[in-house]
Amino acid sequence: MKAIQVLIIEDEIPTQRMMIDMITKVRPDWEIIQVCCSVSDSIEYLSEPDHPVPDILFADIQLSDGISFDIFTQVKVECPVIFTTAYDEYAIQAFKVNSIDYLLKPIMQEQLEKSISKFERRYPIDRPTAETFLFETIKEAIQTGQKKYRSRFLIQHGEDFFKLETGQIALIYSVNKITFAKTFDGREHVLDFTLEKLERQLDPEVFFRINRQAIVHAKAIKKIRTYFNGRLKLITNPLFPEDLIVSRDKARILKDWLDR
């Protein structure tokens, strides 16, 4: 199944978690690409051309710094939207945007399932699979000649700078829009790049992006375990405190990538 990319706009942490859990439960193949907490965060994310483009957007109407309708007046949003709110006074305004449904809080799983089914009927999306994307990447490399990939980073600590070789990096991950590189000796450094940009700059023979939050070095992967719904869980050295989960779409590609 082709992964649908989901953007959630919600400023309440418990509701964020509930939405993620419910969407993952009813559509385990879908990928939550980002959760934004405000109008400004949403505009910033949707305005960045390097960010993944959502196929569907779940948006709370009343946010901490305004109402989500302000987002659509400042940035072009082409994907359909399912609005969520504790009030029904915005229903008419919601359907003036790309809205396909309007869910009143507290949201029930049955309601969410119906809204998602409505989206799937109205917007059948033919997205390239991860395998197709990998093939196109290889094809482009062959056609354009051998690409030179990044070999090092210049890292600043206070007033000093030092060189960090890519071969020293075991894992690259993103937390709260900050990108970190964890080296094989366990040290962590901040990189001034998004994962999207790094994915294009790093050698795909050595680095693999397992999900929207992490890129791993092949030598850092020590063990692979089966996980729920066809996904994989990576055990790395150095150990990473959070679960490193590979989506079902990328699971077989990761195995093929390692089995070379």
C-alpha atoms as a PDB file:
ATOM      1  CA  MET A   1       0.000   0.000   0.000  1.00  0.00           C
ATOM      2  CA  LYS A   2       1.234   3.482  -0.818  1.00  0.00           C
ATOM      3  CA  ALA A   3       1.915   5.635   2.208  1.00  0.00           C
ATOM      4  CA  ILE A   4      -0.296   8.690   2.676  1.00  0.00           C
ATOM      5  CA  GLN A   5       1.555  11.578   4.308  1.00  0.00           C
ATOM      6  CA  VAL A   6      -0.305  13.335   7.108  1.00  0.00           C
ATOM      7  CA  LEU A   7       0.185  16.760   8.684  1.00  0.00           C
ATOM      8  CA  ILE A   8      -1.494  17.424  12.046  1.00  0.00           C
ATOM      9  CA  ILE A   9      -2.076  20.964  13.324  1.00  0.00           C
ATOM     10  CA  GLU A  10      -3.045  20.845  16.995  1.00  0.00           C
ATOM     11  CA  ASP A  11      -1.820  22.863  19.998  1.00  0.00           C
ATOM     12  CA  GLU A  12      -3.002  20.545  22.789  1.00  0.00           C
ATOM     13  CA  ILE A  13      -0.446  17.813  23.547  1.00  0.00           C
ATOM     14  CA  PRO A  14      -3.003  15.187  24.736  1.00  0.00           C
ATOM     15  CA  THR A  15      -5.079  15.744  21.592  1.00  0.00           C
ATOM     16  CA  GLN A  16      -1.946  15.494  19.448  1.00  0.00           C
ATOM     17  CA  ARG A  17      -1.183  12.094  20.945  1.00  0.00           C
ATOM     18  CA  MET A  18      -4.771  10.964  20.601  1.00  0.00           C
ATOM     19  CA  MET A  19      -4.885  11.954  16.918  1.00  0.00           C
ATOM     20  CA  ILE A  20      -1.600  10.208  16.182  1.00  0.00           C
ATOM     21  CA  ASP A  21      -2.755   7.052  17.971  1.00  0.00           C
ATOM     22  CA  MET A  22      -6.147   6.999  16.266  1.00  0.00           C
ATOM     23  CA  ILE A  23      -4.803   7.670  12.770  1.00  0.00           C
ATOM     24  CA  THR A  24      -2.085   5.046  13.231  1.00  0.00           C
ATOM     25  CA  LYS A  25      -4.663   2.533  14.440  1.00  0.00           C
ATOM     26  CA  VAL A  26      -7.165   2.997  11.599  1.00  0.00           C
ATOM     27  CA  ARG A  27      -4.521   3.530   8.883  1.00  0.00           C
ATOM     28  CA  PRO A  28      -1.231   1.905   9.995  1.00  0.00           C
ATOM     29  CA  ASP A  29       0.300   2.487   6.538  1.00  0.00           C
ATOM     30  CA  TRP A  30      -0.076   6.261   6.777  1.00  0.00           C
ATOM     31  CA  GLU A  31       2.888   8.378   7.816  1.00  0.00           C
ATOM     32  CA  ILE A  32       2.632  11.339  10.197  1.00  0.00           C
ATOM     33  CA  ILE A  33       5.188  13.681   8.660  1.00  0.00           C
ATOM     34  CA  GLN A  34       4.801  16.586  11.095  1.00  0.00           C
ATOM     35  CA  VAL A  35       2.786  17.936  14.029  1.00  0.00           C
ATOM     36  CA  CYS A  36       2.503  21.744  14.189  1.00  0.00           C
ATOM     37  CA  CYS A  37       1.359  23.546  17.316  1.00  0.00           C
ATOM     38  CA  SER A  38       0.410  26.988  16.019  1.00  0.00           C
ATOM     39  CA  VAL A  39      -0.527  29.110  13.022  1.00  0.00           C
ATOM     40  CA  SER A  40       3.048  30.402  12.726  1.00  0.00           C
ATOM     41  CA  ASP A  41       4.597  26.915  12.959  1.00  0.00           C
ATOM     42  CA  SER A  42       2.204  25.638  10.294  1.00  0.00           C
ATOM     43  CA  ILE A  43       2.944  28.494   7.906  1.00  0.00           C
ATOM     44  CA  GLU A  44       6.677  27.996   8.419  1.00  0.00           C
ATOM     45  CA  TYR A  45       6.429  24.261   7.718  1.00  0.00           C
ATOM     46  CA  LEU A  46       4.164  24.566   4.676  1.00  0.00           C
ATOM     47  CA  SER A  47       6.267  27.383   3.209  1.00  0.00           C
ATOM     48  CA  GLU A  48       9.500  25.367   3.252  1.00  0.00           C
ATOM     49  CA  PRO A  49       9.942  23.708  -0.181  1.00  0.00           C
ATOM     50  CA  ASP A  50      12.214  21.010   1.247  1.00  0.00           C
ATOM     51  CA  HIS A  51       9.564  19.689   3.617  1.00  0.00           C
ATOM     52  CA  PRO A  52       7.456  16.684   2.588  1.00  0.00           C
ATOM     53  CA  VAL A  53       4.122  17.733   1.063  1.00  0.00           C
ATOM     54  CA  PRO A  54       1.123  16.347   2.987  1.00  0.00           C
ATOM     55  CA  ASP A  55      -1.604  14.400   1.222  1.00  0.00           C
ATOM     56  CA  ILE A  56      -4.095  15.252   3.953  1.00  0.00           C
ATOM     57  CA  LEU A  57      -4.153  17.759   6.788  1.00  0.00           C
ATOM     58  CA  PHE A  58      -5.927  17.447  10.154  1.00  0.00           C
ATOM     59  CA  ALA A  59      -6.307  20.926  11.652  1.00  0.00           C
ATOM     60  CA  ASP A  60      -7.706  22.204  14.908  1.00  0.00           C
ATOM     61  CA  ILE A  61      -9.454  25.519  14.231  1.00  0.00           C
ATOM     62  CA  GLN A  62      -8.639  27.415  17.401  1.00  0.00           C
ATOM     63  CA  LEU A  63      -4.892  27.522  18.021  1.00  0.00           C
ATOM     64  CA  SER A  64      -2.753  29.327  20.567  1.00  0.00           C
ATOM     65  CA  ASP A  65      -1.900  32.209  18.208  1.00  0.00           C
ATOM     66  CA  GLY A  66      -5.080  32.467  16.145  1.00  0.00           C
ATOM     67  CA  ILE A  67      -7.394  30.322  14.052  1.00  0.00           C
ATOM     68  CA  SER A  68      -6.134  27.859  11.480  1.00  0.00           C
ATOM     69  CA  PHE A  69      -8.026  29.604   8.656  1.00  0.00           C
ATOM     70  CA  ASP A  70      -5.247  32.233   8.825  1.00  0.00           C
ATOM     71  CA  ILE A  71      -2.848  29.568   7.540  1.00  0.00           C
ATOM     72  CA  PHE A  72      -4.718  29.220   4.250  1.00  0.00           C
ATOM     73  CA  THR A  73      -4.686  32.963   3.596  1.00  0.00           C
ATOM     74  CA  GLN A  74      -0.884  33.121   3.898  1.00  0.00           C
ATOM     75  CA  VAL A  75       0.306  29.919   2.271  1.00  0.00           C
ATOM     76  CA  LYS A  76      -1.056  27.805  -0.566  1.00  0.00           C
ATOM     77  CA  VAL A  77      -2.449  24.493   0.677  1.00  0.00           C
ATOM     78  CA  GLU A  78      -3.586  22.128  -2.052  1.00  0.00           C
ATOM     79  CA  CYS A  79      -4.264  19.009  -0.019  1.00  0.00           C
ATOM     80  CA  PRO A  80      -7.696  18.265   1.515  1.00  0.00           C
ATOM     81  CA  VAL A  81      -8.317  19.221   5.139  1.00  0.00           C
ATOM     82  CA  ILE A  82     -10.269  17.623   7.979  1.00  0.00           C
ATOM     83  CA  PHE A  83     -10.974  20.239  10.625  1.00  0.00           C
ATOM     84  CA  THR A  84     -11.300  19.417  14.311  1.00  0.00           C
ATOM     85  CA  THR A  85     -12.756  21.737  16.931  1.00  0.00           C
ATOM     86  CA  ALA A  86     -14.753  21.908  20.136  1.00  0.00           C
ATOM     87  CA  TYR A  87     -17.165  24.412  18.540  1.00  0.00           C
ATOM     88  CA  ASP A  88     -19.498  24.187  15.561  1.00  0.00           C
ATOM     89  CA  GLU A  89     -19.634  27.901  14.735  1.00  0.00           C
ATOM     90  CA  TYR A  90     -16.916  27.607  12.062  1.00  0.00           C
ATOM     91  CA  ALA A  91     -18.540  24.911   9.943  1.00  0.00           C
ATOM     92  CA  ILE A  92     -19.520  27.130   7.015  1.00  0.00           C
ATOM     93  CA  GLN A  93     -16.148  28.873   6.948  1.00  0.00           C
ATOM     94  CA  ALA A  94     -14.375  25.509   7.042  1.00  0.00           C
ATOM     95  CA  PHE A  95     -16.010  24.322   3.856  1.00  0.00           C
ATOM     96  CA  LYS A  96     -14.806  27.413   2.021  1.00  0.00           C
ATOM     97  CA  VAL A  97     -11.308  25.973   2.301  1.00  0.00           C
ATOM     98  CA  ASN A  98     -10.228  22.488   1.069  1.00  0.00           C
ATOM     99  CA  SER A  99     -12.320  20.865   3.772  1.00  0.00           C
ATOM    100  CA  ILE A 100     -13.813  17.424   3.345  1.00  0.00           C
ATOM    101  CA  ASP A 101     -15.098  17.080   6.894  1.00  0.00           C
ATOM    102  CA  TYR A 102     -15.573  18.855  10.196  1.00  0.00           C
ATOM    103  CA  LEU A 103     -15.168  16.817  13.402  1.00  0.00           C
ATOM    104  CA  LEU A 104     -16.381  18.036  16.765  1.00  0.00           C
ATOM    105  CA  LYS A 105     -14.303  17.214  19.839  1.00  0.00           C
ATOM    106  CA  PRO A 106     -14.105  14.854  21.601  1.00  0.00           C
ATOM    107  CA  ILE A 107     -13.363  12.938  18.404  1.00  0.00           C
ATOM    108  CA  MET A 108     -14.462   9.335  18.296  1.00  0.00           C
ATOM    109  CA  GLN A 109     -12.586   6.721  16.298  1.00  0.00           C
ATOM    110  CA  GLU A 110     -15.707   5.825  14.316  1.00  0.00           C
ATOM    111  CA  GLN A 111     -16.094   9.465  13.239  1.00  0.00           C
ATOM    112  CA  LEU A 112     -12.446   9.653  12.234  1.00  0.00           C
ATOM    113  CA  GLU A 113     -12.747   6.451  10.218  1.00  0.00           C
ATOM    114  CA  LYS A 114     -15.723   7.844   8.299  1.00  0.00           C
ATOM    115  CA  SER A 115     -13.877  11.083   7.538  1.00  0.00           C
ATOM    116  CA  ILE A 116     -10.826   9.200   6.307  1.00  0.00           C
ATOM    117  CA  SER A 117     -13.008   6.959   4.131  1.00  0.00           C
ATOM    118  CA  LYS A 118     -14.593  10.075   2.636  1.00  0.00           C
ATOM    119  CA  PHE A 119     -11.123  11.410   1.850  1.00  0.00           C
ATOM    120  CA  GLU A 120     -10.114   8.141   0.188  1.00  0.00           C
ATOM    121  CA  ARG A 121     -13.236   8.108  -1.989  1.00  0.00           C
ATOM    122  CA  ARG A 122     -12.843  11.712  -3.116  1.00  0.00           C
ATOM    123  CA  TYR A 123      -9.069  11.860  -3.462  1.00  0.00           C
ATOM    124  CA  PRO A 124      -7.577   8.604  -4.731  1.00  0.00           C
ATOM    125  CA  ILE A 125      -3.872   9.331  -4.588  1.00  0.00           C
ATOM    126  CA  ASP A 126      -1.459   7.552  -6.869  1.00  0.00           C
ATOM    127  CA  ARG A 127       1.833   8.185  -5.079  1.00  0.00           C
ATOM    128  CA  PRO A 128       5.114   6.589  -6.111  1.00  0.00           C
ATOM    129  CA  THR A 129       6.124   3.794  -3.762  1.00  0.00           C
ATOM    130  CA  ALA A 130       9.397   3.901  -1.894  1.00  0.00           C
ATOM    131  CA  GLU A 131      10.757   1.312  -4.341  1.00  0.00           C
ATOM    132  CA  THR A 132       9.827   3.535  -7.296  1.00  0.00           C
ATOM    133  CA  PHE A 133      11.489   6.505  -5.624  1.00  0.00           C
ATOM    134  CA  LEU A 134      14.660   4.498  -5.054  1.00  0.00           C
ATOM    135  CA  PHE A 135      14.688   3.377  -8.691  1.00  0.00           C
ATOM    136  CA  GLU A 136      14.239   6.953  -9.931  1.00  0.00           C
ATOM    137  CA  THR A 137      17.066   8.121  -7.674  1.00  0.00           C
ATOM    138  CA  ILE A 138      19.407   5.486  -9.067  1.00  0.00           C
ATOM    139  CA  LYS A 139      18.278   6.253 -12.619  1.00  0.00           C
ATOM    140  CA  GLU A 140      18.966   9.957 -12.127  1.00  0.00           C
ATOM    141  CA  ALA A 141      22.434   9.221 -10.754  1.00  0.00           C
ATOM    142  CA  ILE A 142      23.264   7.098 -13.799  1.00  0.00           C
ATOM    143  CA  GLN A 143      22.008   9.742 -16.221  1.00  0.00           C
ATOM    144  CA  THR A 144      23.779  12.674 -14.598  1.00  0.00           C
ATOM    145  CA  GLY A 145      27.018  10.890 -13.810  1.00  0.00           C
ATOM    146  CA  GLN A 146      28.535   9.998 -10.485  1.00  0.00           C
ATOM    147  CA  LYS A 147      27.374  12.367  -7.768  1.00  0.00           C
ATOM    148  CA  LYS A 148      29.755  13.709  -5.152  1.00  0.00           C
ATOM    149  CA  TYR A 149      28.357  13.333  -1.666  1.00  0.00           C
ATOM    150  CA  ARG A 150      29.232  15.292   1.454  1.00  0.00           C
ATOM    151  CA  SER A 151      32.318  13.959   3.233  1.00  0.00           C
ATOM    152  CA  ARG A 152      32.481  16.234   6.277  1.00  0.00           C
ATOM    153  CA  PHE A 153      30.828  19.014   8.280  1.00  0.00           C
ATOM    154  CA  LEU A 154      32.281  22.111   9.922  1.00  0.00           C
ATOM    155  CA  ILE A 155      31.079  22.109  13.536  1.00  0.00           C
ATOM    156  CA  GLN A 156      31.217  25.127  15.834  1.00  0.00           C
ATOM    157  CA  HIS A 157      31.662  24.897  19.608  1.00  0.00           C
ATOM    158  CA  GLY A 158      31.775  28.349  21.161  1.00  0.00           C
ATOM    159  CA  GLU A 159      34.484  30.276  19.331  1.00  0.00           C
ATOM    160  CA  ASP A 160      36.147  27.147  17.968  1.00  0.00           C
ATOM    161  CA  PHE A 161      35.471  25.136  14.825  1.00  0.00           C
ATOM    162  CA  PHE A 162      36.384  21.552  14.054  1.00  0.00           C
ATOM    163  CA  LYS A 163      35.922  19.064  11.259  1.00  0.00           C
ATOM    164  CA  LEU A 164      33.448  16.179  11.584  1.00  0.00           C
ATOM    165  CA  GLU A 165      33.891  13.420   8.999  1.00  0.00           C
ATOM    166  CA  THR A 166      30.673  11.759   7.813  1.00  0.00           C
ATOM    167  CA  GLY A 167      32.288   8.386   8.495  1.00  0.00           C
ATOM    168  CA  GLN A 168      32.293   9.261  12.200  1.00  0.00           C
ATOM    169  CA  ILE A 169      28.508   9.723  12.250  1.00  0.00           C
ATOM    170  CA  ALA A 170      26.402   6.767  13.392  1.00  0.00           C
ATOM    171  CA  LEU A 171      23.001   8.437  13.478  1.00  0.00           C
ATOM    172  CA  ILE A 172      21.378  11.714  12.467  1.00  0.00           C
ATOM    173  CA  TYR A 173      18.059  12.626  14.038  1.00  0.00           C
ATOM    174  CA  SER A 174      15.687  15.559  14.479  1.00  0.00           C
ATOM    175  CA  VAL A 175      14.085  16.775  17.714  1.00  0.00           C
ATOM    176  CA  ASN A 176      11.930  19.911  17.853  1.00  0.00           C
ATOM    177  CA  LYS A 177      13.260  21.049  14.457  1.00  0.00           C
ATOM    178  CA  ILE A 178      16.882  20.722  15.588  1.00  0.00           C
ATOM    179  CA  THR A 179      19.099  18.220  13.776  1.00  0.00           C
ATOM    180  CA  PHE A 180      21.681  16.245  15.750  1.00  0.00           C
ATOM    181  CA  ALA A 181      24.521  13.991  14.634  1.00  0.00           C
ATOM    182  CA  LYS A 182      25.499  11.211  17.051  1.00  0.00           C
ATOM    183  CA  THR A 183      28.985   9.842  16.444  1.00  0.00           C
ATOM    184  CA  PHE A 184      30.200   6.289  16.972  1.00  0.00           C
ATOM    185  CA  ASP A 185      31.963   7.399  20.157  1.00  0.00           C
ATOM    186  CA  GLY A 186      28.639   8.637  21.581  1.00  0.00           C
ATOM    187  CA  ARG A 187      29.117  12.382  21.167  1.00  0.00           C
ATOM    188  CA  GLU A 188      26.348  14.612  19.798  1.00  0.00           C
ATOM    189  CA  HIS A 189      26.666  17.674  17.572  1.00  0.00           C
ATOM    190  CA  VAL A 190      24.119  20.083  16.093  1.00  0.00           C
ATOM    191  CA  LEU A 191      23.920  20.237  12.286  1.00  0.00           C
ATOM    192  CA  ASP A 192      22.490  23.290  10.566  1.00  0.00           C
ATOM    193  CA  PHE A 193      20.555  21.242   8.014  1.00  0.00           C
ATOM    194  CA  THR A 194      17.149  19.586   7.768  1.00  0.00           C
ATOM    195  CA  LEU A 195      16.969  15.822   7.340  1.00  0.00           C
ATOM    196  CA  GLU A 196      15.531  16.389   3.861  1.00  0.00           C
ATOM    197  CA  LYS A 197      18.648  18.286   2.776  1.00  0.00           C
ATOM    198  CA  LEU A 198      20.995  15.820   4.444  1.00  0.00           C
ATOM    199  CA  GLU A 199      19.286  12.882   2.773  1.00  0.00           C
ATOM    200  CA  ARG A 200      20.274  14.353  -0.592  1.00  0.00           C
ATOM    201  CA  GLN A 201      23.817  15.238   0.515  1.00  0.00           C
ATOM    202  CA  LEU A 202      24.819  11.929   2.117  1.00  0.00           C
ATOM    203  CA  ASP A 203      25.953   8.830   0.238  1.00  0.00           C
ATOM    204  CA  PRO A 204      22.936   6.462  -0.035  1.00  0.00           C
ATOM    205  CA  GLU A 205      25.344   3.501  -0.062  1.00  0.00           C
ATOM    206  CA  VAL A 206      26.271   4.388   3.521  1.00  0.00           C
ATOM    207  CA  PHE A 207      23.303   6.256   5.013  1.00  0.00           C
ATOM    208  CA  PHE A 208      19.621   5.257   5.038  1.00  0.00           C
ATOM    209  CA  ARG A 209      16.673   7.379   6.117  1.00  0.00           C
ATOM    210  CA  ILE A 210      14.519   5.005   8.155  1.00  0.00           C
ATOM    211  CA  ASN A 211      11.673   7.442   8.885  1.00  0.00           C
ATOM    212  CA  ARG A 212      10.943  11.175   9.027  1.00  0.00           C
ATOM    213  CA  GLN A 213      13.057  11.620  12.169  1.00  0.00           C
ATOM    214  CA  ALA A 214      16.240   9.647  11.620  1.00  0.00           C
ATOM    215  CA  ILE A 215      19.016   8.681   9.189  1.00  0.00           C
ATOM    216  CA  VAL A 216      21.361   5.821  10.137  1.00  0.00           C
ATOM    217  CA  HIS A 217      24.842   4.726   9.071  1.00  0.00           C
ATOM    218  CA  ALA A 218      24.977   1.098   7.882  1.00  0.00           C
ATOM    219  CA  LYS A 219      27.739   0.246  10.367  1.00  0.00           C
ATOM    220  CA  ALA A 220      25.641   1.541  13.271  1.00  0.00           C
ATOM    221  CA  ILE A 221      22.926  -1.099  12.704  1.00  0.00           C
ATOM    222  CA  LYS A 222      23.701  -4.091  14.922  1.00  0.00           C
ATOM    223  CA  LYS A 223      20.353  -5.883  14.983  1.00  0.00           C
ATOM    224  CA  ILE A 224      16.930  -5.723  13.342  1.00  0.00           C
ATOM    225  CA  ARG A 225      13.766  -6.871  15.086  1.00  0.00           C
ATOM    226  CA  THR A 226      10.295  -7.348  13.660  1.00  0.00           C
ATOM    227  CA  TYR A 227       7.790  -4.806  14.928  1.00  0.00           C
ATOM    228  CA  PHE A 228       4.036  -4.212  14.662  1.00  0.00           C
ATOM    229  CA  ASN A 229       2.229  -4.018  11.296  1.00  0.00           C
ATOM    230  CA  GLY A 230       5.188  -5.115   9.205  1.00  0.00           C
ATOM    231  CA  ARG A 231       7.537  -2.475  10.555  1.00  0.00           C
ATOM    232  CA  LEU A 232      11.077  -3.025  11.852  1.00  0.00           C
ATOM    233  CA  LYS A 233      12.890  -1.894  14.983  1.00  0.00           C
ATOM    234  CA  LEU A 234      16.612  -1.159  14.813  1.00  0.00           C
ATOM    235  CA  ILE A 235      19.137  -1.801  17.562  1.00  0.00           C
ATOM    236  CA  THR A 236      22.183   0.402  17.024  1.00  0.00           C
ATOM    237  CA  ASN A 237      25.658   0.886  18.395  1.00  0.00           C
ATOM    238  CA  PRO A 238      25.877   3.359  19.981  1.00  0.00           C
ATOM    239  CA  LEU A 239      22.478   2.705  21.508  1.00  0.00           C
ATOM    240  CA  PHE A 240      19.782   5.296  20.908  1.00  0.00           C
ATOM    241  CA  PRO A 241      17.361   5.990  23.825  1.00  0.00           C
ATOM    242  CA  GLU A 242      14.279   6.192  21.584  1.00  0.00           C
ATOM    243  CA  ASP A 243      12.835   3.403  19.430  1.00  0.00           C
ATOM    244  CA  LEU A 244      14.165   3.514  15.873  1.00  0.00           C
ATOM    245  CA  ILE A 245      11.226   2.264  13.829  1.00  0.00           C
ATOM    246  CA  VAL A 246      11.331   1.597  10.095  1.00  0.00           C
ATOM    247  CA  SER A 247       7.999   2.027   8.283  1.00  0.00           C
ATOM    248  CA  ARG A 248       6.479  -0.940   6.463  1.00  0.00           C
ATOM    249  CA  ASP A 249       7.061   0.799   3.119  1.00  0.00           C
ATOM    250  CA  LYS A 250      10.796   0.987   3.788  1.00  0.00           C
ATOM    251  CA  ALA A 251      11.260  -2.305   5.666  1.00  0.00           C
ATOM    252  CA  ARG A 252      12.032  -4.518   2.668  1.00  0.00           C
ATOM    253  CA  ILE A 253      14.121  -1.795   1.019  1.00  0.00           C
ATOM    254  CA  LEU A 254      16.223  -1.532   4.178  1.00  0.00           C
ATOM    255  CA  LYS A 255      16.812  -5.293   4.159  1.00  0.00           C
ATOM    256  CA  ASP A 256      17.836  -5.175   0.491  1.00  0.00           C
ATOM    257  CA  TRP A 257      20.067  -2.173   1.206  1.00  0.00           C
ATOM    258  CA  LEU A 258      21.902  -4.055   3.967  1.00  0.00           C
ATOM    259  CA  ASP A 259      22.103  -7.317   1.999  1.00  0.00           C
ATOM    260  CA  ARG A 260      24.632  -6.151  -0.596  1.00  0.00           C
END
